[in-house]
């Protein structure tokens, strides 16, 4: 009985390990525009809020 339960667990791990999706399917497309970001206005503001 124990042998069968170990076999079922091993097969379950093997079955779930074979899963392939593209990055866009998993996370979607993110439009991240960083052209107007500056350290003085954006990053420094975040560090002052956290600290």
Protein backbone atom coordinates (compact mmCIF):
# COMPACT_ATOMS: atom_id res chain seq x y z
CA UNK A 1 0.00 0.00 0.00
CA UNK A 2 2.80 2.40 0.86
CA UNK A 3 4.49 1.69 -2.47
CA UNK A 4 1.36 2.76 -4.35
CA UNK A 5 1.02 5.98 -2.42
CA UNK A 6 4.66 6.88 -3.11
CA UNK A 7 4.14 6.11 -6.79
CA UNK A 8 1.05 8.32 -6.93
CA UNK A 9 2.88 11.22 -5.26
CA UNK A 10 5.87 10.91 -7.63
CA UNK A 11 3.60 10.78 -10.67
CA UNK A 12 1.73 13.82 -9.38
CA UNK A 13 4.95 15.81 -9.12
CA UNK A 14 6.04 14.73 -12.59
CA UNK A 15 2.70 15.63 -14.12
CA UNK A 16 2.58 19.10 -12.58
CA UNK A 17 6.21 19.84 -13.53
CA UNK A 18 5.44 19.71 -17.26
CA UNK A 19 3.73 23.07 -17.59
CA UNK A 20 4.80 25.56 -20.22
CA UNK A 21 3.30 28.99 -20.86
CA UNK A 22 4.73 32.05 -22.46
CA UNK A 23 5.60 35.03 -20.28
CA UNK A 24 2.79 37.07 -21.84
CA UNK A 25 0.22 34.40 -20.94
CA UNK A 26 1.42 34.28 -17.33
CA UNK A 27 1.93 37.98 -16.61
CA UNK A 28 0.16 39.81 -19.42
CA UNK A 29 1.64 42.69 -21.33
CA UNK A 30 2.83 45.56 -19.17
CA UNK A 31 3.27 49.00 -20.66
CA UNK A 32 5.95 50.54 -18.46
CA UNK A 33 6.91 54.01 -19.65
CA UNK A 34 9.99 55.31 -17.82
CA UNK A 35 10.88 58.29 -20.00
CA UNK A 36 9.79 60.92 -17.45
CA UNK A 37 11.25 59.28 -14.33
CA UNK A 38 13.98 61.06 -12.42
CA UNK A 39 15.78 60.22 -9.21
CA UNK A 40 15.06 63.56 -7.53
CA UNK A 41 11.32 63.52 -8.09
CA UNK A 42 10.35 59.84 -8.02
CA UNK A 43 12.95 57.58 -6.41
CA UNK A 44 13.97 60.00 -3.66
CA UNK A 45 10.30 60.54 -2.81
CA UNK A 46 9.80 56.78 -2.38
CA UNK A 47 12.88 56.44 -0.16
CA UNK A 48 11.68 59.26 2.09
CA UNK A 49 8.27 57.61 2.48
CA UNK A 50 9.79 54.21 3.36
CA UNK A 51 12.42 55.54 5.79
